C-alpha atoms as a PDB file:
ATOM      1  CA  MET A   1     -32.181   4.555 -25.329  1.00  0.00           C
ATOM      2  CA  ILE A   2     -32.017   4.386 -21.550  1.00  0.00           C
ATOM      3  CA  ARG A   3     -28.627   3.298 -20.546  1.00  0.00           C
ATOM      4  CA  THR A   4     -26.988   4.077 -17.096  1.00  0.00           C
ATOM      5  CA  LYS A   5     -23.573   3.073 -16.052  1.00  0.00           C
ATOM      6  CA  VAL A   6     -21.691   0.882 -17.831  1.00  0.00           C
ATOM      7  CA  LEU A   7     -18.153   2.300 -17.497  1.00  0.00           C
ATOM      8  CA  SER A   8     -16.990   1.230 -21.053  1.00  0.00           C
ATOM      9  CA  VAL A   9     -19.340   3.670 -22.543  1.00  0.00           C
ATOM     10  CA  PHE A  10     -17.465   6.645 -21.208  1.00  0.00           C
ATOM     11  CA  ALA A  11     -13.933   4.837 -20.743  1.00  0.00           C
ATOM     12  CA  ALA A  12     -13.216   4.484 -24.695  1.00  0.00           C
ATOM     13  CA  ALA A  13     -12.151   7.817 -25.122  1.00  0.00           C
ATOM     14  CA  LEU A  14     -10.282   8.168 -21.884  1.00  0.00           C
ATOM     15  CA  VAL A  15      -8.395   4.958 -22.054  1.00  0.00           C
ATOM     16  CA  ALA A  16      -7.590   4.455 -25.660  1.00  0.00           C
ATOM     17  CA  GLY A  17      -3.873   4.972 -25.924  1.00  0.00           C
ATOM     18  CA  ALA A  18      -3.049   5.778 -22.483  1.00  0.00           C
ATOM     19  CA  ALA A  19      -0.273   4.093 -20.286  1.00  0.00           C
ATOM     20  CA  ILE A  20       0.526   4.454 -16.704  1.00  0.00           C
ATOM     21  CA  ALA A  21       3.698   6.565 -16.045  1.00  0.00           C
ATOM     22  CA  GLY A  22       6.228   6.328 -13.422  1.00  0.00           C
ATOM     23  CA  THR A  23       7.104   3.414 -10.935  1.00  0.00           C
ATOM     24  CA  ALA A  24       6.025   3.104  -7.182  1.00  0.00           C
ATOM     25  CA  SER A  25       8.670   3.590  -4.502  1.00  0.00           C
ATOM     26  CA  ALA A  26      10.018   0.596  -3.186  1.00  0.00           C
ATOM     27  CA  GLU A  27       9.477   2.245   0.145  1.00  0.00           C
ATOM     28  CA  ALA A  28       5.696   3.123  -0.352  1.00  0.00           C
ATOM     29  CA  TYR A  29       4.532   0.241   1.726  1.00  0.00           C
ATOM     30  CA  LYS A  30       6.451  -1.959   3.956  1.00  0.00           C
ATOM     31  CA  PRO A  31       6.110  -5.901   4.198  1.00  0.00           C
ATOM     32  CA  GLY A  32       3.290  -6.630   6.755  1.00  0.00           C
ATOM     33  CA  ASP A  33       1.767  -3.338   6.617  1.00  0.00           C
ATOM     34  CA  LYS A  34      -2.023  -3.209   7.084  1.00  0.00           C
ATOM     35  CA  ILE A  35      -4.314  -1.494   4.595  1.00  0.00           C
ATOM     36  CA  LYS A  36      -8.045  -1.205   5.612  1.00  0.00           C
ATOM     37  CA  ILE A  37     -10.749  -1.560   2.737  1.00  0.00           C
ATOM     38  CA  LEU A  38     -13.961  -0.027   3.705  1.00  0.00           C
ATOM     39  CA  GLN A  39     -17.011  -1.763   2.135  1.00  0.00           C
ATOM     40  CA  GLY A  40     -20.363   0.169   2.079  1.00  0.00           C
ATOM     41  CA  PHE A  41     -22.351  -3.055   1.945  1.00  0.00           C
ATOM     42  CA  LYS A  42     -23.062  -6.173   3.816  1.00  0.00           C
ATOM     43  CA  PRO A  43     -20.987  -9.142   3.523  1.00  0.00           C
ATOM     44  CA  GLY A  44     -21.908 -11.752   0.632  1.00  0.00           C
ATOM     45  CA  GLY A  45     -23.042  -8.740  -1.918  1.00  0.00           C
ATOM     46  CA  GLY A  46     -21.178  -7.450  -4.981  1.00  0.00           C
ATOM     47  CA  SER A  47     -18.337  -5.480  -2.997  1.00  0.00           C
ATOM     48  CA  ASP A  48     -17.482  -8.450  -1.003  1.00  0.00           C
ATOM     49  CA  ALA A  49     -17.309 -10.793  -3.848  1.00  0.00           C
ATOM     50  CA  LEU A  50     -14.870  -8.091  -5.411  1.00  0.00           C
ATOM     51  CA  ALA A  51     -12.766  -8.032  -2.355  1.00  0.00           C
ATOM     52  CA  GLN A  52     -12.507 -11.958  -2.093  1.00  0.00           C
ATOM     53  CA  LEU A  53     -11.396 -12.059  -5.713  1.00  0.00           C
ATOM     54  CA  VAL A  54      -9.034  -9.239  -5.753  1.00  0.00           C
ATOM     55  CA  LEU A  55      -7.269  -9.113  -2.402  1.00  0.00           C
ATOM     56  CA  PRO A  56      -5.566 -12.374  -2.231  1.00  0.00           C
ATOM     57  CA  PHE A  57      -3.844 -11.465  -5.427  1.00  0.00           C
ATOM     58  CA  LEU A  58      -3.165  -8.015  -4.295  1.00  0.00           C
ATOM     59  CA  THR A  59      -1.783  -9.253  -1.024  1.00  0.00           C
ATOM     60  CA  LYS A  60       0.986 -11.515  -3.096  1.00  0.00           C
ATOM     61  CA  GLU A  61       1.688  -8.713  -5.103  1.00  0.00           C
ATOM     62  CA  MET A  62       2.208  -6.014  -2.451  1.00  0.00           C
ATOM     63  CA  ASN A  63       3.387  -8.112   0.551  1.00  0.00           C
ATOM     64  CA  VAL A  64       0.979  -6.316   2.915  1.00  0.00           C
ATOM     65  CA  THR A  65      -2.294  -7.216   4.642  1.00  0.00           C
ATOM     66  CA  PHE A  66      -5.769  -6.046   3.999  1.00  0.00           C
ATOM     67  CA  VAL A  67      -8.494  -6.011   6.412  1.00  0.00           C
ATOM     68  CA  ASN A  68     -12.164  -5.583   5.513  1.00  0.00           C
ATOM     69  CA  GLU A  69     -14.230  -3.178   7.403  1.00  0.00           C
ATOM     70  CA  TYR A  70     -17.912  -3.395   6.492  1.00  0.00           C
ATOM     71  CA  ILE A  71     -19.861  -0.181   6.996  1.00  0.00           C
ATOM     72  CA  PRO A  72     -23.366  -1.008   5.359  1.00  0.00           C
ATOM     73  CA  GLY A  73     -26.157   1.683   4.829  1.00  0.00           C
ATOM     74  CA  ALA A  74     -27.446   4.075   2.465  1.00  0.00           C
ATOM     75  CA  ALA A  75     -26.333   2.270  -0.833  1.00  0.00           C
ATOM     76  CA  GLY A  76     -22.667   2.909   0.348  1.00  0.00           C
ATOM     77  CA  ALA A  77     -22.923   6.337   1.324  1.00  0.00           C
ATOM     78  CA  ILE A  78     -22.093   5.851   4.984  1.00  0.00           C
ATOM     79  CA  ALA A  79     -18.858   4.371   3.959  1.00  0.00           C
ATOM     80  CA  TRP A  80     -17.857   6.860   1.297  1.00  0.00           C
ATOM     81  CA  ALA A  81     -18.746   9.670   3.742  1.00  0.00           C
ATOM     82  CA  LYS A  82     -16.209   8.319   6.013  1.00  0.00           C
ATOM     83  CA  LEU A  83     -13.697   7.769   3.399  1.00  0.00           C
ATOM     84  CA  GLY A  84     -14.045  11.285   2.021  1.00  0.00           C
ATOM     85  CA  ASN A  85     -14.766  13.248   5.433  1.00  0.00           C
ATOM     86  CA  ALA A  86     -13.084  11.387   8.210  1.00  0.00           C
ATOM     87  CA  THR A  87     -10.286   9.129   6.913  1.00  0.00           C
ATOM     88  CA  LYS A  88      -6.550  10.098   7.011  1.00  0.00           C
ATOM     89  CA  ASN A  89      -5.263  10.296   3.644  1.00  0.00           C
ATOM     90  CA  ASP A  90      -2.024   8.227   4.306  1.00  0.00           C
ATOM     91  CA  GLY A  91      -2.697   5.588   1.882  1.00  0.00           C
ATOM     92  CA  TYR A  92      -3.575   2.942   4.652  1.00  0.00           C
ATOM     93  CA  THR A  93      -7.185   3.068   4.103  1.00  0.00           C
ATOM     94  CA  ILE A  94      -8.975   2.707   0.803  1.00  0.00           C
ATOM     95  CA  SER A  95     -12.582   1.874  -0.312  1.00  0.00           C
ATOM     96  CA  ILE A  96     -14.139  -0.153  -2.688  1.00  0.00           C
ATOM     97  CA  THR A  97     -16.308   2.170  -4.991  1.00  0.00           C
ATOM     98  CA  ASN A  98     -19.457   1.333  -6.851  1.00  0.00           C
ATOM     99  CA  SER A  99     -20.769   3.011  -9.823  1.00  0.00           C
ATOM    100  CA  PRO A 100     -23.321   4.538 -10.116  1.00  0.00           C
ATOM    101  CA  MET A 101     -24.251   5.091  -6.510  1.00  0.00           C
ATOM    102  CA  ILE A 102     -20.866   6.682  -5.760  1.00  0.00           C
ATOM    103  CA  VAL A 103     -22.427   9.655  -7.656  1.00  0.00           C
ATOM    104  CA  SER A 104     -26.134   9.077  -7.580  1.00  0.00           C
ATOM    105  CA  ASN A 105     -26.317   8.892  -3.692  1.00  0.00           C
ATOM    106  CA  TYR A 106     -25.503  12.487  -3.001  1.00  0.00           C
ATOM    107  CA  LEU A 107     -27.306  13.643  -6.248  1.00  0.00           C
ATOM    108  CA  LEU A 108     -30.383  11.970  -5.207  1.00  0.00           C
ATOM    109  CA  ASN A 109     -30.105  13.366  -1.476  1.00  0.00           C
ATOM    110  CA  GLU A 110     -28.768  16.514  -0.422  1.00  0.00           C
ATOM    111  CA  GLU A 111     -28.334  15.252   3.134  1.00  0.00           C
ATOM    112  CA  ILE A 112     -25.315  13.057   1.939  1.00  0.00           C
ATOM    113  CA  LYS A 113     -22.182  15.325   2.435  1.00  0.00           C
ATOM    114  CA  TYR A 114     -19.570  13.886   0.214  1.00  0.00           C
ATOM    115  CA  ASN A 115     -18.539  14.106  -3.363  1.00  0.00           C
ATOM    116  CA  VAL A 116     -16.342  12.233  -5.611  1.00  0.00           C
ATOM    117  CA  LYS A 117     -13.807  15.199  -5.766  1.00  0.00           C
ATOM    118  CA  GLN A 118     -12.864  13.908  -2.077  1.00  0.00           C
ATOM    119  CA  LEU A 119     -11.813  10.684  -3.524  1.00  0.00           C
ATOM    120  CA  GLU A 120      -8.603   9.516  -5.298  1.00  0.00           C
ATOM    121  CA  PRO A 121      -9.994   6.771  -7.714  1.00  0.00           C
ATOM    122  CA  ILE A 122      -7.323   4.033  -8.164  1.00  0.00           C
ATOM    123  CA  ALA A 123      -8.728   1.362 -10.367  1.00  0.00           C
ATOM    124  CA  ASN A 124     -11.934   0.036 -11.741  1.00  0.00           C
ATOM    125  CA  VAL A 125     -12.064  -3.857 -11.741  1.00  0.00           C
ATOM    126  CA  VAL A 126     -15.493  -5.361 -12.647  1.00  0.00           C
ATOM    127  CA  THR A 127     -18.459  -4.237 -14.719  1.00  0.00           C
ATOM    128  CA  ASP A 128     -21.283  -6.661 -13.520  1.00  0.00           C
ATOM    129  CA  PRO A 129     -24.293  -6.796 -16.033  1.00  0.00           C
ATOM    130  CA  GLY A 130     -27.875  -6.308 -14.316  1.00  0.00           C
ATOM    131  CA  ILE A 131     -30.276  -9.167 -14.364  1.00  0.00           C
ATOM    132  CA  LEU A 132     -33.799  -9.726 -12.994  1.00  0.00           C
ATOM    133  CA  VAL A 133     -34.411 -12.898 -10.933  1.00  0.00           C
ATOM    134  CA  VAL A 134     -37.160 -14.855  -9.222  1.00  0.00           C
ATOM    135  CA  GLY A 135     -37.387 -17.334  -6.703  1.00  0.00           C
ATOM    136  CA  PRO A 136     -37.411 -21.173  -7.668  1.00  0.00           C
ATOM    137  CA  ASN A 137     -41.288 -21.394  -6.826  1.00  0.00           C
ATOM    138  CA  SER A 138     -42.213 -18.117  -8.626  1.00  0.00           C
ATOM    139  CA  PRO A 139     -45.449 -18.565 -10.910  1.00  0.00           C
ATOM    140  CA  TYR A 140     -43.445 -16.558 -13.456  1.00  0.00           C
ATOM    141  CA  LYS A 141     -41.369 -18.723 -15.965  1.00  0.00           C
ATOM    142  CA  THR A 142     -40.676 -15.596 -18.358  1.00  0.00           C
ATOM    143  CA  PHE A 143     -40.519 -12.064 -18.184  1.00  0.00           C
ATOM    144  CA  GLN A 144     -43.660 -11.484 -20.287  1.00  0.00           C
ATOM    145  CA  GLU A 145     -45.489 -13.459 -17.710  1.00  0.00           C
ATOM    146  CA  PHE A 146     -44.047 -11.191 -15.044  1.00  0.00           C
ATOM    147  CA  LEU A 147     -44.718  -8.240 -16.874  1.00  0.00           C
ATOM    148  CA  ALA A 148     -48.334  -8.899 -17.510  1.00  0.00           C
ATOM    149  CA  ALA A 149     -48.870  -9.724 -13.650  1.00  0.00           C
ATOM    150  CA  ALA A 150     -47.248  -6.240 -13.022  1.00  0.00           C
ATOM    151  CA  LYS A 151     -49.563  -4.460 -15.396  1.00  0.00           C
ATOM    152  CA  ALA A 152     -52.718  -6.448 -13.934  1.00  0.00           C
ATOM    153  CA  ALA A 153     -51.775  -5.555 -10.424  1.00  0.00           C
ATOM    154  CA  PRO A 154     -49.954  -2.067 -10.275  1.00  0.00           C
ATOM    155  CA  ASP A 155     -47.855  -1.252  -7.241  1.00  0.00           C
ATOM    156  CA  LYS A 156     -48.270  -4.945  -6.077  1.00  0.00           C
ATOM    157  CA  ILE A 157     -45.423  -6.536  -7.699  1.00  0.00           C
ATOM    158  CA  THR A 158     -42.246  -6.057  -5.503  1.00  0.00           C
ATOM    159  CA  ILE A 159     -38.635  -5.950  -6.993  1.00  0.00           C
ATOM    160  CA  GLY A 160     -35.687  -5.843  -4.623  1.00  0.00           C
ATOM    161  CA  ASN A 161     -32.576  -3.756  -4.938  1.00  0.00           C
ATOM    162  CA  SER A 162     -29.478  -3.129  -3.176  1.00  0.00           C
ATOM    163  CA  GLY A 163     -30.509   0.201  -2.027  1.00  0.00           C
ATOM    164  CA  VAL A 164     -31.785   3.685  -3.108  1.00  0.00           C
ATOM    165  CA  GLY A 165     -29.286   5.017  -5.849  1.00  0.00           C
ATOM    166  CA  GLY A 166     -27.567   1.875  -6.951  1.00  0.00           C
ATOM    167  CA  ASP A 167     -27.794   0.531 -10.324  1.00  0.00           C
ATOM    168  CA  ASP A 168     -30.754  -1.975  -9.396  1.00  0.00           C
ATOM    169  CA  PHE A 169     -32.488   0.872  -8.216  1.00  0.00           C
ATOM    170  CA  PHE A 170     -32.140   2.622 -11.543  1.00  0.00           C
ATOM    171  CA  SER A 171     -32.885  -0.618 -13.215  1.00  0.00           C
ATOM    172  CA  THR A 172     -36.218  -0.900 -11.706  1.00  0.00           C
ATOM    173  CA  ILE A 173     -37.182   2.714 -12.378  1.00  0.00           C
ATOM    174  CA  PHE A 174     -36.276   2.384 -15.732  1.00  0.00           C
ATOM    175  CA  LEU A 175     -38.052  -0.912 -16.341  1.00  0.00           C
ATOM    176  CA  GLY A 176     -41.095   0.939 -15.107  1.00  0.00           C
ATOM    177  CA  GLN A 177     -40.816   3.846 -17.376  1.00  0.00           C
ATOM    178  CA  LEU A 178     -39.910   1.384 -20.563  1.00  0.00           C
ATOM    179  CA  THR A 179     -42.761  -1.048 -20.098  1.00  0.00           C
ATOM    180  CA  GLY A 180     -45.449   1.048 -18.426  1.00  0.00           C
ATOM    181  CA  ALA A 181     -45.861  -1.079 -15.430  1.00  0.00           C
ATOM    182  CA  LYS A 182     -45.931   0.104 -11.818  1.00  0.00           C
ATOM    183  CA  PHE A 183     -43.653  -1.876  -9.350  1.00  0.00           C
ATOM    184  CA  LYS A 184     -43.255  -1.715  -5.645  1.00  0.00           C
ATOM    185  CA  MET A 185     -39.561  -1.104  -5.007  1.00  0.00           C
ATOM    186  CA  VAL A 186     -38.098  -2.658  -1.990  1.00  0.00           C
ATOM    187  CA  PRO A 187     -34.442  -1.462  -0.798  1.00  0.00           C
ATOM    188  CA  PHE A 188     -31.976  -3.770   0.881  1.00  0.00           C
ATOM    189  CA  SER A 189     -28.635  -3.185   2.217  1.00  0.00           C
ATOM    190  CA  GLY A 190     -26.782  -4.529  -0.492  1.00  0.00           C
ATOM    191  CA  ASP A 191     -27.130  -7.252  -3.512  1.00  0.00           C
ATOM    192  CA  GLY A 192     -26.949 -10.386  -1.314  1.00  0.00           C
ATOM    193  CA  PRO A 193     -30.101  -9.625   0.854  1.00  0.00           C
ATOM    194  CA  SER A 194     -32.186  -8.663  -1.955  1.00  0.00           C
ATOM    195  CA  ALA A 195     -31.432 -12.006  -3.971  1.00  0.00           C
ATOM    196  CA  THR A 196     -31.857 -14.105  -0.602  1.00  0.00           C
ATOM    197  CA  ALA A 197     -35.104 -12.211  -0.148  1.00  0.00           C
ATOM    198  CA  ALA A 198     -36.254 -13.556  -3.524  1.00  0.00           C
ATOM    199  CA  MET A 199     -34.950 -17.049  -3.028  1.00  0.00           C
ATOM    200  CA  GLY A 200     -37.316 -17.033   0.216  1.00  0.00           C
ATOM    201  CA  ASP A 201     -40.118 -15.821  -1.796  1.00  0.00           C
ATOM    202  CA  LYS A 202     -40.180 -12.551   0.209  1.00  0.00           C
ATOM    203  CA  ILE A 203     -40.405 -10.499  -2.775  1.00  0.00           C
ATOM    204  CA  ASP A 204     -41.631 -11.202  -6.222  1.00  0.00           C
ATOM    205  CA  ALA A 205     -38.332 -10.389  -8.064  1.00  0.00           C
ATOM    206  CA  SER A 206     -34.722  -8.934  -7.377  1.00  0.00           C
ATOM    207  CA  ALA A 207     -33.162  -6.786  -9.754  1.00  0.00           C
ATOM    208  CA  ASN A 208     -29.548  -7.813  -9.035  1.00  0.00           C
ATOM    209  CA  ASN A 209     -26.223  -8.346 -10.823  1.00  0.00           C
ATOM    210  CA  LEU A 210     -25.004 -11.395 -12.573  1.00  0.00           C
ATOM    211  CA  GLY A 211     -22.036 -12.001 -10.646  1.00  0.00           C
ATOM    212  CA  ILE A 212     -23.759 -12.050  -7.439  1.00  0.00           C
ATOM    213  CA  VAL A 213     -26.650 -14.607  -8.380  1.00  0.00           C
ATOM    214  CA  TYR A 214     -25.131 -16.804 -11.162  1.00  0.00           C
ATOM    215  CA  ALA A 215     -24.054 -19.611  -8.718  1.00  0.00           C
ATOM    216  CA  GLN A 216     -27.690 -19.596  -7.225  1.00  0.00           C
ATOM    217  CA  ILE A 217     -29.260 -19.621 -10.951  1.00  0.00           C
ATOM    218  CA  LYS A 218     -27.044 -22.483 -11.808  1.00  0.00           C
ATOM    219  CA  ALA A 219     -28.050 -24.456  -8.416  1.00  0.00           C
ATOM    220  CA  ASP A 220     -31.749 -23.536  -9.457  1.00  0.00           C
ATOM    221  CA  ASN A 221     -32.426 -21.429  -6.406  1.00  0.00           C
ATOM    222  CA  LEU A 222     -33.041 -18.472  -8.531  1.00  0.00           C
ATOM    223  CA  ARG A 223     -34.613 -18.272 -11.926  1.00  0.00           C
ATOM    224  CA  ALA A 224     -33.472 -15.513 -14.443  1.00  0.00           C
ATOM    225  CA  LEU A 225     -36.034 -13.616 -16.482  1.00  0.00           C
ATOM    226  CA  ALA A 226     -33.890 -11.145 -18.416  1.00  0.00           C
ATOM    227  CA  ILE A 227     -30.349  -9.630 -18.240  1.00  0.00           C
ATOM    228  CA  PHE A 228     -29.477  -6.096 -18.797  1.00  0.00           C
ATOM    229  CA  SER A 229     -26.757  -6.563 -21.236  1.00  0.00           C
ATOM    230  CA  GLU A 230     -26.069  -5.552 -24.946  1.00  0.00           C
ATOM    231  CA  LYS A 231     -25.752  -9.330 -25.975  1.00  0.00           C
ATOM    232  CA  ARG A 232     -26.724 -12.816 -24.305  1.00  0.00           C
ATOM    233  CA  HIS A 233     -24.217 -13.484 -21.643  1.00  0.00           C
ATOM    234  CA  PRO A 234     -22.122 -16.797 -22.618  1.00  0.00           C
ATOM    235  CA  LYS A 235     -22.585 -18.196 -19.228  1.00  0.00           C
ATOM    236  CA  LEU A 236     -26.386 -17.837 -19.660  1.00  0.00           C
ATOM    237  CA  PRO A 237     -27.149 -18.285 -23.135  1.00  0.00           C
ATOM    238  CA  ASP A 238     -30.859 -18.997 -22.751  1.00  0.00           C
ATOM    239  CA  VAL A 239     -31.706 -15.908 -20.808  1.00  0.00           C
ATOM    240  CA  PRO A 240     -32.861 -13.144 -23.187  1.00  0.00           C
ATOM    241  CA  THR A 241     -31.800  -9.473 -23.019  1.00  0.00           C
ATOM    242  CA  MET A 242     -34.223  -6.722 -22.450  1.00  0.00           C
ATOM    243  CA  LYS A 243     -33.495  -5.427 -25.561  1.00  0.00           C
ATOM    244  CA  GLU A 244     -34.333  -8.606 -27.195  1.00  0.00           C
ATOM    245  CA  LEU A 245     -37.739  -8.642 -25.468  1.00  0.00           C
ATOM    246  CA  GLY A 246     -38.163  -5.206 -26.906  1.00  0.00           C
ATOM    247  CA  PHE A 247     -37.141  -2.859 -24.027  1.00  0.00           C
ATOM    248  CA  ASN A 248     -33.926  -0.890 -24.772  1.00  0.00           C
ATOM    249  CA  LEU A 249     -32.413  -1.126 -21.313  1.00  0.00           C
ATOM    250  CA  VAL A 250     -28.616  -1.736 -20.641  1.00  0.00           C
ATOM    251  CA  ASN A 251     -27.406  -1.349 -17.064  1.00  0.00           C
ATOM    252  CA  GLY A 252     -25.069  -2.776 -14.491  1.00  0.00           C
ATOM    253  CA  SER A 253     -22.647  -1.876 -11.665  1.00  0.00           C
ATOM    254  CA  SER A 254     -18.974  -1.135 -11.910  1.00  0.00           C
ATOM    255  CA  ARG A 255     -16.591  -1.870  -8.884  1.00  0.00           C
ATOM    256  CA  GLY A 256     -13.317  -0.534  -8.081  1.00  0.00           C
ATOM    257  CA  PHE A 257     -11.241   1.169  -5.484  1.00  0.00           C
ATOM    258  CA  SER A 258     -10.460   4.444  -4.260  1.00  0.00           C
ATOM    259  CA  ALA A 259      -8.365   6.451  -1.749  1.00  0.00           C
ATOM    260  CA  PRO A 260      -8.984   9.522   0.104  1.00  0.00           C
ATOM    261  CA  ALA A 261      -7.784  12.614  -2.204  1.00  0.00           C
ATOM    262  CA  GLY A 262      -4.479  13.805  -1.328  1.00  0.00           C
ATOM    263  CA  ILE A 263      -2.889  10.224  -0.814  1.00  0.00           C
ATOM    264  CA  PRO A 264       0.880  10.535  -0.964  1.00  0.00           C
ATOM    265  CA  LYS A 265       2.134  10.023  -4.622  1.00  0.00           C
ATOM    266  CA  GLU A 266       4.211   7.178  -3.745  1.00  0.00           C
ATOM    267  CA  LYS A 267       1.276   5.346  -2.158  1.00  0.00           C
ATOM    268  CA  ARG A 268      -1.098   6.192  -4.881  1.00  0.00           C
ATOM    269  CA  ASP A 269       1.481   4.968  -7.421  1.00  0.00           C
ATOM    270  CA  ALA A 270       2.194   1.806  -5.484  1.00  0.00           C
ATOM    271  CA  LEU A 271      -1.540   0.868  -5.490  1.00  0.00           C
ATOM    272  CA  VAL A 272      -1.965   1.721  -9.232  1.00  0.00           C
ATOM    273  CA  ASN A 273       0.801  -0.180 -10.433  1.00  0.00           C
ATOM    274  CA  ALA A 274      -0.171  -3.203  -8.107  1.00  0.00           C
ATOM    275  CA  PHE A 275      -3.595  -3.171  -9.648  1.00  0.00           C
ATOM    276  CA  LYS A 276      -2.022  -2.903 -13.148  1.00  0.00           C
ATOM    277  CA  LYS A 277      -0.043  -5.999 -12.626  1.00  0.00           C
ATOM    278  CA  VAL A 278      -2.963  -7.989 -11.111  1.00  0.00           C
ATOM    279  CA  LEU A 279      -5.502  -7.117 -13.637  1.00  0.00           C
ATOM    280  CA  SER A 280      -3.141  -8.478 -16.353  1.00  0.00           C
ATOM    281  CA  ASP A 281      -2.130 -11.493 -14.457  1.00  0.00           C
ATOM    282  CA  PRO A 282      -3.592 -14.720 -16.381  1.00  0.00           C
ATOM    283  CA  ALA A 283      -4.184 -16.478 -12.952  1.00  0.00           C
ATOM    284  CA  PHE A 284      -6.313 -13.866 -11.633  1.00  0.00           C
ATOM    285  CA  LEU A 285      -8.055 -13.359 -14.946  1.00  0.00           C
ATOM    286  CA  ALA A 286      -8.861 -17.039 -14.882  1.00  0.00           C
ATOM    287  CA  GLU A 287     -10.015 -16.909 -11.496  1.00  0.00           C
ATOM    288  CA  ALA A 288     -12.264 -13.882 -12.426  1.00  0.00           C
ATOM    289  CA  GLU A 289     -13.971 -15.991 -15.142  1.00  0.00           C
ATOM    290  CA  ARG A 290     -14.463 -19.006 -12.793  1.00  0.00           C
ATOM    291  CA  GLN A 291     -16.369 -16.559 -10.531  1.00  0.00           C
ATOM    292  CA  THR A 292     -18.520 -15.101 -13.415  1.00  0.00           C
ATOM    293  CA  GLN A 293     -16.737 -11.700 -12.510  1.00  0.00           C
ATOM    294  CA  ASP A 294     -16.505  -9.577 -15.962  1.00  0.00           C
ATOM    295  CA  ILE A 295     -13.241  -7.549 -15.709  1.00  0.00           C
ATOM    296  CA  GLU A 296     -13.088  -4.138 -17.069  1.00  0.00           C
ATOM    297  CA  ALA A 297      -9.690  -2.833 -16.121  1.00  0.00           C
ATOM    298  CA  ILE A 298      -9.584   1.120 -15.961  1.00  0.00           C
ATOM    299  CA  ILE A 299      -6.628   2.338 -14.022  1.00  0.00           C
ATOM    300  CA  GLY A 300      -5.091   5.457 -12.467  1.00  0.00           C
ATOM    301  CA  ASP A 301      -5.650   8.598 -14.063  1.00  0.00           C
ATOM    302  CA  ASP A 302      -8.391   6.817 -16.579  1.00  0.00           C
ATOM    303  CA  TYR A 303     -10.425   5.825 -13.891  1.00  0.00           C
ATOM    304  CA  LYS A 304     -10.102   9.156 -11.825  1.00  0.00           C
ATOM    305  CA  ASN A 305     -11.004  11.164 -15.066  1.00  0.00           C
ATOM    306  CA  LEU A 306     -14.088   8.809 -15.395  1.00  0.00           C
ATOM    307  CA  ILE A 307     -15.404   8.923 -12.036  1.00  0.00           C
ATOM    308  CA  TYR A 308     -14.923  12.556 -11.919  1.00  0.00           C
ATOM    309  CA  SER A 309     -16.907  12.979 -15.020  1.00  0.00           C
ATOM    310  CA  MET A 310     -20.067  10.984 -13.994  1.00  0.00           C
ATOM    311  CA  GLU A 311     -21.567  13.991 -12.075  1.00  0.00           C
ATOM    312  CA  ASP A 312     -22.313  15.450 -15.351  1.00  0.00           C
ATOM    313  CA  VAL A 313     -23.604  12.147 -16.910  1.00  0.00           C
ATOM    314  CA  TYR A 314     -25.894  11.368 -13.937  1.00  0.00           C
ATOM    315  CA  ARG A 315     -27.277  14.795 -12.976  1.00  0.00           C
ATOM    316  CA  PRO A 316     -29.680  15.014 -15.778  1.00  0.00           C
ATOM    317  CA  ILE A 317     -30.759  11.189 -14.928  1.00  0.00           C
ATOM    318  CA  VAL A 318     -31.463  11.881 -11.339  1.00  0.00           C
ATOM    319  CA  GLU A 319     -33.296  15.149 -12.154  1.00  0.00           C
ATOM    320  CA  GLU A 320     -35.389  13.065 -14.453  1.00  0.00           C
ATOM    321  CA  VAL A 321     -36.125  10.421 -11.855  1.00  0.00           C
ATOM    322  CA  LYS A 322     -36.924  13.180  -9.010  1.00  0.00           C
ATOM    323  CA  LYS A 323     -39.381  14.682 -11.441  1.00  0.00           C
ATOM    324  CA  ASN A 324     -41.028  11.591 -12.147  1.00  0.00           C
ATOM    325  CA  GLU A 325     -41.241  10.571  -8.441  1.00  0.00           C
ATOM    326  CA  LYS A 326     -43.125  13.991  -8.101  1.00  0.00           C
ATOM    327  CA  LYS A 327     -45.775  13.243 -10.495  1.00  0.00           C
END
């Protein structure tokens, strides 16, 4: 079975029975303080969707102001290198951190100079299943038709992704390995641009995430061919899983928040406890459901242990990818 990053796979043993200890100091943040949120992708993608969902609730809980700073490029690596190497660890700058690319970026590219031990993971919020979509004018009505075309024309059928090292990137690689088809991969600077290119018939398909493209699917601006989840998603009951289609591929993207390592304990505790409250708020959960954001709350030390363990999980996967690319 090929299965990259769905955090619950590793989280079960880490999270079971765990509780967040301690309470944050009332003096950790003052009313009106500004906290910068680094985003490693362009507006309109998965990271931005997460920010737009979470930050209004977090603002209310903490009585502070959040300011987004978009630093797209290298599948998030530019923003995370800044977070790890050039950000003051005073608790006033944090970043959205996306898995698996938070780890796979530097495992794939030795020129990327950061690692997860430079981060203080705060909370995972969303685990968003992968999905394969085509534009409304695409000749492919089913995955079987799409696959047949790819096998008939090796390296001609284009599939967009959110950037090298992202879950969409891995989805396409594994799709090729499992089906025997050869696709032409087209990297973009985020999920949004990839989906837009598919809508405009600039590429044949986009490997994306459900939370990003659901609205466009429902509006008939995109057509879903297959979803990379264990079971059919309740909001898209007519879209088959890859497993149903005979290919054991389950994959997706998890998105959370991390600070630089060494953040003051009172700031870290304030953030952890704020996320704990927001992610259990019925109003937040209802809004997440409305936006088709699949919540997977992994908070504090559980998220930290999980992120830190991912190097060992992904190193053999990345080595396999590198070896196959050399063939």
